[in-house]
Amino acid sequence: MRLKIGEVSKLLDMPVETIRFYEHHGILKPTRREGSKYREYKISDIFNLTTCMSYRNMGFSVKDISRILHEETLNRYISEIAEKEMYLNHKLQYNIMLKEHFEKHRKNLKR
């Protein structure tokens, strides 16, 4: 099964420009139909695109995602996920402390 960019856009409810952006950054590598200017996206391209969307939601950069999809070993990928998790834990702890500080400050102002 091969789809044109408009079909992929409708299938994933994603703007065509976003698909082209990921193609420009090497995440997608569609083929060109012989004798035509149309791009054709395979199931593997659609899988990479949906995987990319998941990684973006986890805070990975486009450069990191391209590297993960095309270059990284499983162990390196696991390591990167652990680093992101540690970063988010630190950020969460910071935000909890900040929230507690604001609550304390608000209570002191009410006195």
C-alpha atoms as a PDB file:
ATOM      1  CA  MET A   1       0.000   0.000   0.000  1.00  0.00           C
ATOM      2  CA  ARG A   2       1.347   3.397  -0.988  1.00  0.00           C
ATOM      3  CA  LEU A   3      -0.279   6.711  -0.162  1.00  0.00           C
ATOM      4  CA  LYS A   4       0.141  10.251  -1.438  1.00  0.00           C
ATOM      5  CA  ILE A   5       0.936  13.044   1.002  1.00  0.00           C
ATOM      6  CA  GLY A   6      -2.670  14.270   1.079  1.00  0.00           C
ATOM      7  CA  GLU A   7      -3.892  10.783   1.952  1.00  0.00           C
ATOM      8  CA  VAL A   8      -1.362  10.497   4.779  1.00  0.00           C
ATOM      9  CA  SER A   9      -2.415  13.945   5.987  1.00  0.00           C
ATOM     10  CA  LYS A  10      -6.069  12.886   6.150  1.00  0.00           C
ATOM     11  CA  LEU A  11      -5.266   9.497   7.663  1.00  0.00           C
ATOM     12  CA  LEU A  12      -3.266  11.006  10.539  1.00  0.00           C
ATOM     13  CA  ASP A  13      -5.155  14.316  10.740  1.00  0.00           C
ATOM     14  CA  MET A  14      -1.836  16.090  10.270  1.00  0.00           C
ATOM     15  CA  PRO A  15      -1.060  19.119   8.087  1.00  0.00           C
ATOM     16  CA  VAL A  16       0.811  18.407   4.856  1.00  0.00           C
ATOM     17  CA  GLU A  17       3.410  20.983   5.954  1.00  0.00           C
ATOM     18  CA  THR A  18       4.193  18.913   9.058  1.00  0.00           C
ATOM     19  CA  ILE A  19       4.740  15.813   6.945  1.00  0.00           C
ATOM     20  CA  ARG A  20       7.060  17.769   4.645  1.00  0.00           C
ATOM     21  CA  PHE A  21       8.908  19.130   7.693  1.00  0.00           C
ATOM     22  CA  TYR A  22       9.653  15.601   8.923  1.00  0.00           C
ATOM     23  CA  GLU A  23      10.655  14.577   5.414  1.00  0.00           C
ATOM     24  CA  HIS A  24      13.043  17.550   5.216  1.00  0.00           C
ATOM     25  CA  HIS A  25      14.670  16.398   8.467  1.00  0.00           C
ATOM     26  CA  GLY A  26      15.196  12.860   7.199  1.00  0.00           C
ATOM     27  CA  ILE A  27      12.598  11.152   9.366  1.00  0.00           C
ATOM     28  CA  LEU A  28      10.514  10.181   6.358  1.00  0.00           C
ATOM     29  CA  LYS A  29      11.976   8.972   3.090  1.00  0.00           C
ATOM     30  CA  PRO A  30       9.111   8.571   0.627  1.00  0.00           C
ATOM     31  CA  THR A  31       9.709   7.288  -2.848  1.00  0.00           C
ATOM     32  CA  ARG A  32       8.820   9.201  -5.997  1.00  0.00           C
ATOM     33  CA  ARG A  33       6.408   7.676  -8.462  1.00  0.00           C
ATOM     34  CA  GLU A  34       8.251   7.072 -11.746  1.00  0.00           C
ATOM     35  CA  GLY A  35       7.451   9.771 -14.257  1.00  0.00           C
ATOM     36  CA  SER A  36       5.633  11.835 -11.651  1.00  0.00           C
ATOM     37  CA  LYS A  37       6.408  14.440  -9.030  1.00  0.00           C
ATOM     38  CA  TYR A  38       4.218  12.716  -6.431  1.00  0.00           C
ATOM     39  CA  ARG A  39       5.689  11.286  -3.248  1.00  0.00           C
ATOM     40  CA  GLU A  40       4.526   7.843  -2.208  1.00  0.00           C
ATOM     41  CA  TYR A  41       4.495   6.880   1.443  1.00  0.00           C
ATOM     42  CA  LYS A  42       4.771   3.258   2.505  1.00  0.00           C
ATOM     43  CA  ILE A  43       3.397   1.762   5.704  1.00  0.00           C
ATOM     44  CA  SER A  44       6.900   2.055   7.206  1.00  0.00           C
ATOM     45  CA  ASP A  45       6.838   5.817   6.535  1.00  0.00           C
ATOM     46  CA  ILE A  46       3.488   6.122   8.304  1.00  0.00           C
ATOM     47  CA  PHE A  47       4.824   4.049  11.205  1.00  0.00           C
ATOM     48  CA  ASN A  48       7.875   6.338  11.454  1.00  0.00           C
ATOM     49  CA  LEU A  49       5.616   9.376  11.392  1.00  0.00           C
ATOM     50  CA  THR A  50       3.366   8.126  14.204  1.00  0.00           C
ATOM     51  CA  THR A  51       6.434   7.043  16.177  1.00  0.00           C
ATOM     52  CA  CYS A  52       7.913  10.498  15.632  1.00  0.00           C
ATOM     53  CA  MET A  53       4.757  12.114  16.996  1.00  0.00           C
ATOM     54  CA  SER A  54       5.048   9.971  20.143  1.00  0.00           C
ATOM     55  CA  TYR A  55       8.702  10.922  20.615  1.00  0.00           C
ATOM     56  CA  ARG A  56       7.888  14.616  20.144  1.00  0.00           C
ATOM     57  CA  ASN A  57       5.273  14.296  22.884  1.00  0.00           C
ATOM     58  CA  MET A  58       8.022  12.866  25.114  1.00  0.00           C
ATOM     59  CA  GLY A  59      10.165  15.937  24.481  1.00  0.00           C
ATOM     60  CA  PHE A  60      12.660  14.576  21.968  1.00  0.00           C
ATOM     61  CA  SER A  61      14.022  16.954  19.353  1.00  0.00           C
ATOM     62  CA  VAL A  62      13.578  16.234  15.649  1.00  0.00           C
ATOM     63  CA  LYS A  63      17.328  15.631  15.376  1.00  0.00           C
ATOM     64  CA  ASP A  64      17.212  13.086  18.211  1.00  0.00           C
ATOM     65  CA  ILE A  65      14.218  11.340  16.664  1.00  0.00           C
ATOM     66  CA  SER A  66      15.909  11.045  13.294  1.00  0.00           C
ATOM     67  CA  ARG A  67      18.968   9.555  14.964  1.00  0.00           C
ATOM     68  CA  ILE A  68      16.859   7.114  17.008  1.00  0.00           C
ATOM     69  CA  LEU A  69      14.887   5.933  13.990  1.00  0.00           C
ATOM     70  CA  HIS A  70      17.827   5.580  11.630  1.00  0.00           C
ATOM     71  CA  GLU A  71      21.061   5.202  13.581  1.00  0.00           C
ATOM     72  CA  GLU A  72      20.673   4.235  17.212  1.00  0.00           C
ATOM     73  CA  THR A  73      21.009   0.860  18.821  1.00  0.00           C
ATOM     74  CA  LEU A  74      18.368  -0.346  21.249  1.00  0.00           C
ATOM     75  CA  ASN A  75      20.696   0.149  24.229  1.00  0.00           C
ATOM     76  CA  ARG A  76      21.398   3.758  23.263  1.00  0.00           C
ATOM     77  CA  TYR A  77      17.684   4.391  22.819  1.00  0.00           C
ATOM     78  CA  ILE A  78      16.953   2.930  26.271  1.00  0.00           C
ATOM     79  CA  SER A  79      19.662   5.179  27.697  1.00  0.00           C
ATOM     80  CA  GLU A  80      18.122   8.256  26.067  1.00  0.00           C
ATOM     81  CA  ILE A  81      14.695   7.366  27.442  1.00  0.00           C
ATOM     82  CA  ALA A  82      16.216   7.013  30.929  1.00  0.00           C
ATOM     83  CA  GLU A  83      17.877  10.427  30.577  1.00  0.00           C
ATOM     84  CA  LYS A  84      14.568  12.017  29.580  1.00  0.00           C
ATOM     85  CA  GLU A  85      12.847  10.305  32.489  1.00  0.00           C
ATOM     86  CA  MET A  86      15.470  11.600  34.928  1.00  0.00           C
ATOM     87  CA  TYR A  87      15.133  15.117  33.502  1.00  0.00           C
ATOM     88  CA  LEU A  88      11.354  14.998  33.903  1.00  0.00           C
ATOM     89  CA  ASN A  89      11.696  13.743  37.481  1.00  0.00           C
ATOM     90  CA  HIS A  90      13.988  16.670  38.332  1.00  0.00           C
ATOM     91  CA  LYS A  91      11.597  19.084  36.656  1.00  0.00           C
ATOM     92  CA  LEU A  92       8.677  17.568  38.550  1.00  0.00           C
ATOM     93  CA  GLN A  93      10.488  17.900  41.882  1.00  0.00           C
ATOM     94  CA  TYR A  94      11.341  21.505  41.100  1.00  0.00           C
ATOM     95  CA  ASN A  95       7.731  22.294  40.225  1.00  0.00           C
ATOM     96  CA  ILE A  96       6.485  20.633  43.429  1.00  0.00           C
ATOM     97  CA  MET A  97       8.907  22.734  45.480  1.00  0.00           C
ATOM     98  CA  LEU A  98       7.869  25.863  43.582  1.00  0.00           C
ATOM     99  CA  LYS A  99       4.187  25.104  44.191  1.00  0.00           C
ATOM    100  CA  GLU A 100       4.842  24.599  47.912  1.00  0.00           C
ATOM    101  CA  HIS A 101       6.742  27.889  48.012  1.00  0.00           C
ATOM    102  CA  PHE A 102       3.835  29.748  46.387  1.00  0.00           C
ATOM    103  CA  GLU A 103       1.318  28.143  48.732  1.00  0.00           C
ATOM    104  CA  LYS A 104       3.392  29.143  51.746  1.00  0.00           C
ATOM    105  CA  HIS A 105       3.852  32.656  50.385  1.00  0.00           C
ATOM    106  CA  ARG A 106       0.105  33.012  49.674  1.00  0.00           C
ATOM    107  CA  LYS A 107      -0.761  31.853  53.220  1.00  0.00           C
ATOM    108  CA  ASN A 108       1.704  34.328  54.715  1.00  0.00           C
ATOM    109  CA  LEU A 109       0.158  37.160  52.700  1.00  0.00           C
ATOM    110  CA  LYS A 110      -3.324  36.330  53.994  1.00  0.00           C
ATOM    111  CA  ARG A 111      -2.269  36.806  57.643  1.00  0.00           C
END
